[in-house]
Amino acid sequence: MRETRRESFGQGHAPSVVDRLGVWLSARQLRRWVPSFAGRRVGDFGCGFHATFARTLLDEAAHVVLADVALADDLPRHPRVSAHTGPLTETLPRLADGSLDVILCVSVLEHLWEPLEALCHFRRLLAPGGVCLLNVPSWAGKRYLELSAFELGLSPARELNDHKMYYDVKDLWPLLVRAGFVPQHITCFSHKLGLNTFAVCERERA
């Protein structure tokens, strides 16, 4: 039986030093590709319980869609936030075509049983000219993440035990193409010293 994840990242525990470093490095990469979120409609899927990065956008973006299995109580009350709790497989189909300018999915695909389904929805949700930013752990990263979690206790073991897949460029790029993104508009590369893979996928303009 395929169990459904019941807790968001950061729910019930403080992020470790390793977690905080990873979040900071990912945020730098996101800001590199989208220097300004001003006036944009943003979706952060698998944003984490506290939606740490998305909170930095709330005074800047026009609107922010947050989705995870659980969210901090204050987030749904923010006037620029649409909050969705529950599995992404239930949330994504409810959202309107072309309704987002930027989609963020950071360290989430590796937790999904059907990552291609999510990627197809991401492309559908993007407005023409919109961009989807993805971060996933690589196969090289698997070794160090498991060392941190299972042997050193520096990261929650339950997060690693929930991983279904790791992605090098050769694993992620074909999925992006199968989801409908055009190769000309895909940038996919290794980062964080080879421990992660990052992808920038633009929705072609009409």
C-alpha atoms as a PDB file:
ATOM      1  CA  MET A   1       0.000   0.000   0.000  1.00  0.00           C
ATOM      2  CA  ARG A   2       1.272   3.457  -0.905  1.00  0.00           C
ATOM      3  CA  GLU A   3       1.121   5.538   2.234  1.00  0.00           C
ATOM      4  CA  THR A   4       0.266   9.230   1.994  1.00  0.00           C
ATOM      5  CA  ARG A   5       2.612  11.649   3.713  1.00  0.00           C
ATOM      6  CA  ARG A   6       0.950  13.133   6.795  1.00  0.00           C
ATOM      7  CA  GLU A   7       3.335  15.880   7.908  1.00  0.00           C
ATOM      8  CA  SER A   8       4.926  18.823   6.111  1.00  0.00           C
ATOM      9  CA  PHE A   9       8.619  19.560   6.248  1.00  0.00           C
ATOM     10  CA  GLY A  10       9.333  21.506   9.422  1.00  0.00           C
ATOM     11  CA  GLN A  11       6.104  20.462  11.149  1.00  0.00           C
ATOM     12  CA  GLY A  12       6.755  19.422  14.718  1.00  0.00           C
ATOM     13  CA  HIS A  13      10.517  19.888  14.591  1.00  0.00           C
ATOM     14  CA  ALA A  14      13.007  22.679  14.117  1.00  0.00           C
ATOM     15  CA  PRO A  15      15.065  22.411  10.907  1.00  0.00           C
ATOM     16  CA  SER A  16      18.585  21.137  11.500  1.00  0.00           C
ATOM     17  CA  VAL A  17      21.739  22.996  10.502  1.00  0.00           C
ATOM     18  CA  VAL A  18      21.939  20.781   7.409  1.00  0.00           C
ATOM     19  CA  ASP A  19      18.312  21.579   6.548  1.00  0.00           C
ATOM     20  CA  ARG A  20      18.798  25.326   7.004  1.00  0.00           C
ATOM     21  CA  LEU A  21      21.886  25.326   4.802  1.00  0.00           C
ATOM     22  CA  GLY A  22      20.007  23.455   2.081  1.00  0.00           C
ATOM     23  CA  VAL A  23      17.074  25.884   2.245  1.00  0.00           C
ATOM     24  CA  TRP A  24      19.434  28.876   2.044  1.00  0.00           C
ATOM     25  CA  LEU A  25      21.292  27.492  -0.969  1.00  0.00           C
ATOM     26  CA  SER A  26      18.032  26.700  -2.741  1.00  0.00           C
ATOM     27  CA  ALA A  27      16.721  30.204  -2.049  1.00  0.00           C
ATOM     28  CA  ARG A  28      19.847  31.716  -3.616  1.00  0.00           C
ATOM     29  CA  GLN A  29      19.283  29.654  -6.758  1.00  0.00           C
ATOM     30  CA  LEU A  30      15.605  30.621  -6.938  1.00  0.00           C
ATOM     31  CA  ARG A  31      16.461  34.309  -6.652  1.00  0.00           C
ATOM     32  CA  ARG A  32      19.125  33.903  -9.308  1.00  0.00           C
ATOM     33  CA  TRP A  33      16.542  32.825 -11.891  1.00  0.00           C
ATOM     34  CA  VAL A  34      13.717  35.070 -10.684  1.00  0.00           C
ATOM     35  CA  PRO A  35      15.387  38.167  -9.217  1.00  0.00           C
ATOM     36  CA  SER A  36      12.018  39.866  -8.669  1.00  0.00           C
ATOM     37  CA  PHE A  37       8.647  38.307  -7.873  1.00  0.00           C
ATOM     38  CA  ALA A  38       6.949  41.724  -7.931  1.00  0.00           C
ATOM     39  CA  GLY A  39       3.427  41.517  -9.300  1.00  0.00           C
ATOM     40  CA  ARG A  40       3.698  37.825 -10.108  1.00  0.00           C
ATOM     41  CA  ARG A  41       1.314  35.006  -9.277  1.00  0.00           C
ATOM     42  CA  VAL A  42       3.416  32.375  -7.524  1.00  0.00           C
ATOM     43  CA  GLY A  43       2.699  28.773  -6.595  1.00  0.00           C
ATOM     44  CA  ASP A  44       4.895  27.025  -4.026  1.00  0.00           C
ATOM     45  CA  PHE A  45       4.046  23.335  -4.044  1.00  0.00           C
ATOM     46  CA  GLY A  46       5.350  21.342  -1.117  1.00  0.00           C
ATOM     47  CA  CYS A  47       6.234  24.661   0.510  1.00  0.00           C
ATOM     48  CA  GLY A  48       6.790  23.198   3.981  1.00  0.00           C
ATOM     49  CA  PHE A  49       4.823  23.817   7.170  1.00  0.00           C
ATOM     50  CA  HIS A  50       6.194  27.325   7.664  1.00  0.00           C
ATOM     51  CA  ALA A  51       6.553  28.141   3.929  1.00  0.00           C
ATOM     52  CA  THR A  52       9.920  29.685   4.764  1.00  0.00           C
ATOM     53  CA  PHE A  53      10.854  30.906   1.290  1.00  0.00           C
ATOM     54  CA  ALA A  54       7.337  31.885   0.249  1.00  0.00           C
ATOM     55  CA  ARG A  55       7.044  34.152   3.285  1.00  0.00           C
ATOM     56  CA  THR A  56       9.813  36.298   1.831  1.00  0.00           C
ATOM     57  CA  LEU A  57       7.594  36.926  -1.223  1.00  0.00           C
ATOM     58  CA  LEU A  58       4.374  37.985   0.484  1.00  0.00           C
ATOM     59  CA  ASP A  59       5.087  41.713   0.338  1.00  0.00           C
ATOM     60  CA  GLU A  60       6.265  41.410  -3.261  1.00  0.00           C
ATOM     61  CA  ALA A  61       4.142  38.935  -5.215  1.00  0.00           C
ATOM     62  CA  ALA A  62       0.629  39.700  -6.408  1.00  0.00           C
ATOM     63  CA  HIS A  63      -0.655  36.390  -5.086  1.00  0.00           C
ATOM     64  CA  VAL A  64       0.869  33.225  -3.622  1.00  0.00           C
ATOM     65  CA  VAL A  65      -0.629  29.747  -3.759  1.00  0.00           C
ATOM     66  CA  LEU A  66       0.735  27.531  -0.970  1.00  0.00           C
ATOM     67  CA  ALA A  67       0.218  23.789  -0.966  1.00  0.00           C
ATOM     68  CA  ASP A  68       1.367  21.078   1.437  1.00  0.00           C
ATOM     69  CA  VAL A  69      -0.197  18.427   3.621  1.00  0.00           C
ATOM     70  CA  ALA A  70      -0.256  20.889   6.531  1.00  0.00           C
ATOM     71  CA  LEU A  71       0.442  24.623   6.911  1.00  0.00           C
ATOM     72  CA  ALA A  72       1.027  26.984   9.832  1.00  0.00           C
ATOM     73  CA  ASP A  73      -2.211  28.586  11.044  1.00  0.00           C
ATOM     74  CA  ASP A  74      -1.278  32.141  10.108  1.00  0.00           C
ATOM     75  CA  LEU A  75      -0.613  31.461   6.423  1.00  0.00           C
ATOM     76  CA  PRO A  76      -4.230  31.034   5.239  1.00  0.00           C
ATOM     77  CA  ARG A  77      -5.132  34.338   6.885  1.00  0.00           C
ATOM     78  CA  HIS A  78      -2.713  36.374   4.785  1.00  0.00           C
ATOM     79  CA  PRO A  79      -4.630  38.432   2.192  1.00  0.00           C
ATOM     80  CA  ARG A  80      -2.300  37.455  -0.645  1.00  0.00           C
ATOM     81  CA  VAL A  81      -2.280  33.721   0.100  1.00  0.00           C
ATOM     82  CA  SER A  82      -4.453  30.898  -1.167  1.00  0.00           C
ATOM     83  CA  ALA A  83      -3.693  27.948   1.084  1.00  0.00           C
ATOM     84  CA  HIS A  84      -4.313  24.319   0.135  1.00  0.00           C
ATOM     85  CA  THR A  85      -3.727  21.439   2.542  1.00  0.00           C
ATOM     86  CA  GLY A  86      -3.671  17.816   1.505  1.00  0.00           C
ATOM     87  CA  PRO A  87      -1.834  15.642  -1.015  1.00  0.00           C
ATOM     88  CA  LEU A  88      -0.654  17.388  -4.192  1.00  0.00           C
ATOM     89  CA  THR A  89      -2.499  14.738  -6.196  1.00  0.00           C
ATOM     90  CA  GLU A  90      -5.725  16.265  -4.866  1.00  0.00           C
ATOM     91  CA  THR A  91      -4.704  19.924  -4.874  1.00  0.00           C
ATOM     92  CA  LEU A  92      -3.178  20.322  -8.340  1.00  0.00           C
ATOM     93  CA  PRO A  93      -6.208  19.211 -10.398  1.00  0.00           C
ATOM     94  CA  ARG A  94      -8.371  21.851  -8.682  1.00  0.00           C
ATOM     95  CA  LEU A  95      -6.235  24.785  -9.831  1.00  0.00           C
ATOM     96  CA  ALA A  96      -7.013  26.698 -13.025  1.00  0.00           C
ATOM     97  CA  ASP A  97      -5.043  26.456 -16.264  1.00  0.00           C
ATOM     98  CA  GLY A  98      -2.550  29.282 -16.848  1.00  0.00           C
ATOM     99  CA  SER A  99      -3.160  30.777 -13.418  1.00  0.00           C
ATOM    100  CA  LEU A 100       0.476  31.106 -12.269  1.00  0.00           C
ATOM    101  CA  ASP A 101       3.520  33.033 -13.476  1.00  0.00           C
ATOM    102  CA  VAL A 102       6.082  31.237 -11.298  1.00  0.00           C
ATOM    103  CA  ILE A 103       5.953  27.722  -9.873  1.00  0.00           C
ATOM    104  CA  LEU A 104       8.354  26.568  -7.158  1.00  0.00           C
ATOM    105  CA  CYS A 105       8.816  22.915  -6.277  1.00  0.00           C
ATOM    106  CA  VAL A 106      11.854  22.545  -4.036  1.00  0.00           C
ATOM    107  CA  SER A 107      12.889  19.149  -2.670  1.00  0.00           C
ATOM    108  CA  VAL A 108       9.450  17.689  -3.309  1.00  0.00           C
ATOM    109  CA  LEU A 109       9.490  15.517  -6.451  1.00  0.00           C
ATOM    110  CA  GLU A 110      11.608  12.891  -4.688  1.00  0.00           C
ATOM    111  CA  HIS A 111       8.722  12.356  -2.247  1.00  0.00           C
ATOM    112  CA  LEU A 112       6.074  11.725  -4.929  1.00  0.00           C
ATOM    113  CA  TRP A 113       4.951   8.361  -6.213  1.00  0.00           C
ATOM    114  CA  GLU A 114       3.890   9.937  -9.537  1.00  0.00           C
ATOM    115  CA  PRO A 115       6.251  12.862 -10.258  1.00  0.00           C
ATOM    116  CA  LEU A 116       5.293  13.013 -13.936  1.00  0.00           C
ATOM    117  CA  GLU A 117       1.680  13.705 -13.010  1.00  0.00           C
ATOM    118  CA  ALA A 118       2.761  16.680 -10.908  1.00  0.00           C
ATOM    119  CA  LEU A 119       5.025  18.004 -13.669  1.00  0.00           C
ATOM    120  CA  CYS A 120       2.192  17.820 -16.207  1.00  0.00           C
ATOM    121  CA  HIS A 121       0.038  19.887 -13.875  1.00  0.00           C
ATOM    122  CA  PHE A 122       2.842  22.402 -13.379  1.00  0.00           C
ATOM    123  CA  ARG A 123       3.035  23.011 -17.123  1.00  0.00           C
ATOM    124  CA  ARG A 124      -0.750  23.301 -17.338  1.00  0.00           C
ATOM    125  CA  LEU A 125      -0.847  25.827 -14.495  1.00  0.00           C
ATOM    126  CA  LEU A 126       1.817  28.099 -15.992  1.00  0.00           C
ATOM    127  CA  ALA A 127       0.740  31.117 -17.970  1.00  0.00           C
ATOM    128  CA  PRO A 128       2.521  31.620 -21.317  1.00  0.00           C
ATOM    129  CA  GLY A 129       6.019  32.888 -20.542  1.00  0.00           C
ATOM    130  CA  GLY A 130       5.805  31.553 -16.995  1.00  0.00           C
ATOM    131  CA  VAL A 131       8.607  29.604 -15.353  1.00  0.00           C
ATOM    132  CA  CYS A 132       8.785  26.511 -13.159  1.00  0.00           C
ATOM    133  CA  LEU A 133      11.793  26.101 -10.844  1.00  0.00           C
ATOM    134  CA  LEU A 134      12.581  22.644  -9.515  1.00  0.00           C
ATOM    135  CA  ASN A 135      15.162  21.337  -7.069  1.00  0.00           C
ATOM    136  CA  VAL A 136      15.747  17.651  -6.315  1.00  0.00           C
ATOM    137  CA  PRO A 137      18.510  15.636  -4.616  1.00  0.00           C
ATOM    138  CA  SER A 138      20.893  13.807  -6.933  1.00  0.00           C
ATOM    139  CA  TRP A 139      22.185  10.260  -6.656  1.00  0.00           C
ATOM    140  CA  ALA A 140      25.438  11.653  -5.273  1.00  0.00           C
ATOM    141  CA  GLY A 141      23.384  13.600  -2.751  1.00  0.00           C
ATOM    142  CA  LYS A 142      21.651  10.407  -1.627  1.00  0.00           C
ATOM    143  CA  ARG A 143      24.847   9.161   0.001  1.00  0.00           C
ATOM    144  CA  TYR A 144      25.425  12.336   2.005  1.00  0.00           C
ATOM    145  CA  LEU A 145      21.776  12.852   2.928  1.00  0.00           C
ATOM    146  CA  GLU A 146      21.583   9.315   4.295  1.00  0.00           C
ATOM    147  CA  LEU A 147      24.855   9.768   6.162  1.00  0.00           C
ATOM    148  CA  SER A 148      23.467  12.936   7.729  1.00  0.00           C
ATOM    149  CA  ALA A 149      20.130  11.358   8.647  1.00  0.00           C
ATOM    150  CA  PHE A 150      20.849   7.729   9.421  1.00  0.00           C
ATOM    151  CA  GLU A 151      24.347   7.817  10.902  1.00  0.00           C
ATOM    152  CA  LEU A 152      24.993  11.332  12.195  1.00  0.00           C
ATOM    153  CA  GLY A 153      21.438  12.235  13.175  1.00  0.00           C
ATOM    154  CA  LEU A 154      21.750  15.716  11.686  1.00  0.00           C
ATOM    155  CA  SER A 155      18.532  15.467   9.654  1.00  0.00           C
ATOM    156  CA  PRO A 156      15.159  13.789  10.312  1.00  0.00           C
ATOM    157  CA  ALA A 157      15.356  10.149   9.218  1.00  0.00           C
ATOM    158  CA  ARG A 158      11.653  10.188   8.337  1.00  0.00           C
ATOM    159  CA  GLU A 159      12.313  12.667   5.536  1.00  0.00           C
ATOM    160  CA  LEU A 160      14.852  10.347   3.919  1.00  0.00           C
ATOM    161  CA  ASN A 161      12.670   7.288   4.462  1.00  0.00           C
ATOM    162  CA  ASP A 162       9.964   9.051   2.454  1.00  0.00           C
ATOM    163  CA  HIS A 163      12.170   9.414  -0.648  1.00  0.00           C
ATOM    164  CA  LYS A 164      11.015   7.496  -3.716  1.00  0.00           C
ATOM    165  CA  MET A 165      13.646   8.626  -6.220  1.00  0.00           C
ATOM    166  CA  TYR A 166      16.839  10.640  -6.757  1.00  0.00           C
ATOM    167  CA  TYR A 167      17.518  12.633  -9.910  1.00  0.00           C
ATOM    168  CA  ASP A 168      20.572  13.421 -11.944  1.00  0.00           C
ATOM    169  CA  VAL A 169      20.129  15.567 -15.057  1.00  0.00           C
ATOM    170  CA  LYS A 170      19.723  12.420 -17.164  1.00  0.00           C
ATOM    171  CA  ASP A 171      16.803  11.346 -14.937  1.00  0.00           C
ATOM    172  CA  LEU A 172      15.010  14.682 -14.613  1.00  0.00           C
ATOM    173  CA  TRP A 173      15.338  16.089 -18.136  1.00  0.00           C
ATOM    174  CA  PRO A 174      13.339  13.293 -19.859  1.00  0.00           C
ATOM    175  CA  LEU A 175      10.531  13.686 -17.308  1.00  0.00           C
ATOM    176  CA  LEU A 176      10.314  17.389 -18.074  1.00  0.00           C
ATOM    177  CA  VAL A 177      10.013  16.671 -21.790  1.00  0.00           C
ATOM    178  CA  ARG A 178       7.362  14.016 -21.180  1.00  0.00           C
ATOM    179  CA  ALA A 179       5.433  16.576 -19.134  1.00  0.00           C
ATOM    180  CA  GLY A 180       5.267  18.820 -22.197  1.00  0.00           C
ATOM    181  CA  PHE A 181       8.082  21.284 -21.613  1.00  0.00           C
ATOM    182  CA  VAL A 182       9.975  22.059 -24.824  1.00  0.00           C
ATOM    183  CA  PRO A 183      13.716  21.204 -24.754  1.00  0.00           C
ATOM    184  CA  GLN A 184      14.579  24.690 -26.019  1.00  0.00           C
ATOM    185  CA  HIS A 185      13.038  26.114 -22.839  1.00  0.00           C
ATOM    186  CA  ILE A 186      14.552  23.689 -20.321  1.00  0.00           C
ATOM    187  CA  THR A 187      17.741  24.450 -18.384  1.00  0.00           C
ATOM    188  CA  CYS A 188      18.778  21.527 -16.189  1.00  0.00           C
ATOM    189  CA  PHE A 189      22.025  21.329 -14.255  1.00  0.00           C
ATOM    190  CA  SER A 190      23.814  19.975 -11.199  1.00  0.00           C
ATOM    191  CA  HIS A 191      24.397  22.315  -8.234  1.00  0.00           C
ATOM    192  CA  LYS A 192      25.226  22.307  -4.510  1.00  0.00           C
ATOM    193  CA  LEU A 193      28.529  20.578  -5.300  1.00  0.00           C
ATOM    194  CA  GLY A 194      26.690  17.933  -7.304  1.00  0.00           C
ATOM    195  CA  LEU A 195      24.402  16.959  -4.435  1.00  0.00           C
ATOM    196  CA  ASN A 196      21.287  18.420  -6.091  1.00  0.00           C
ATOM    197  CA  THR A 197      19.836  18.870  -9.555  1.00  0.00           C
ATOM    198  CA  PHE A 198      18.062  22.072 -10.543  1.00  0.00           C
ATOM    199  CA  ALA A 199      15.754  22.747 -13.479  1.00  0.00           C
ATOM    200  CA  VAL A 200      14.304  25.912 -14.983  1.00  0.00           C
ATOM    201  CA  CYS A 201      11.366  25.195 -17.293  1.00  0.00           C
ATOM    202  CA  GLU A 202       9.688  28.017 -19.204  1.00  0.00           C
ATOM    203  CA  ARG A 203       6.218  27.768 -20.693  1.00  0.00           C
ATOM    204  CA  GLU A 204       6.462  28.861 -24.301  1.00  0.00           C
ATOM    205  CA  ARG A 205       4.659  32.066 -25.171  1.00  0.00           C
ATOM    206  CA  ALA A 206       1.512  31.855 -27.250  1.00  0.00           C
END
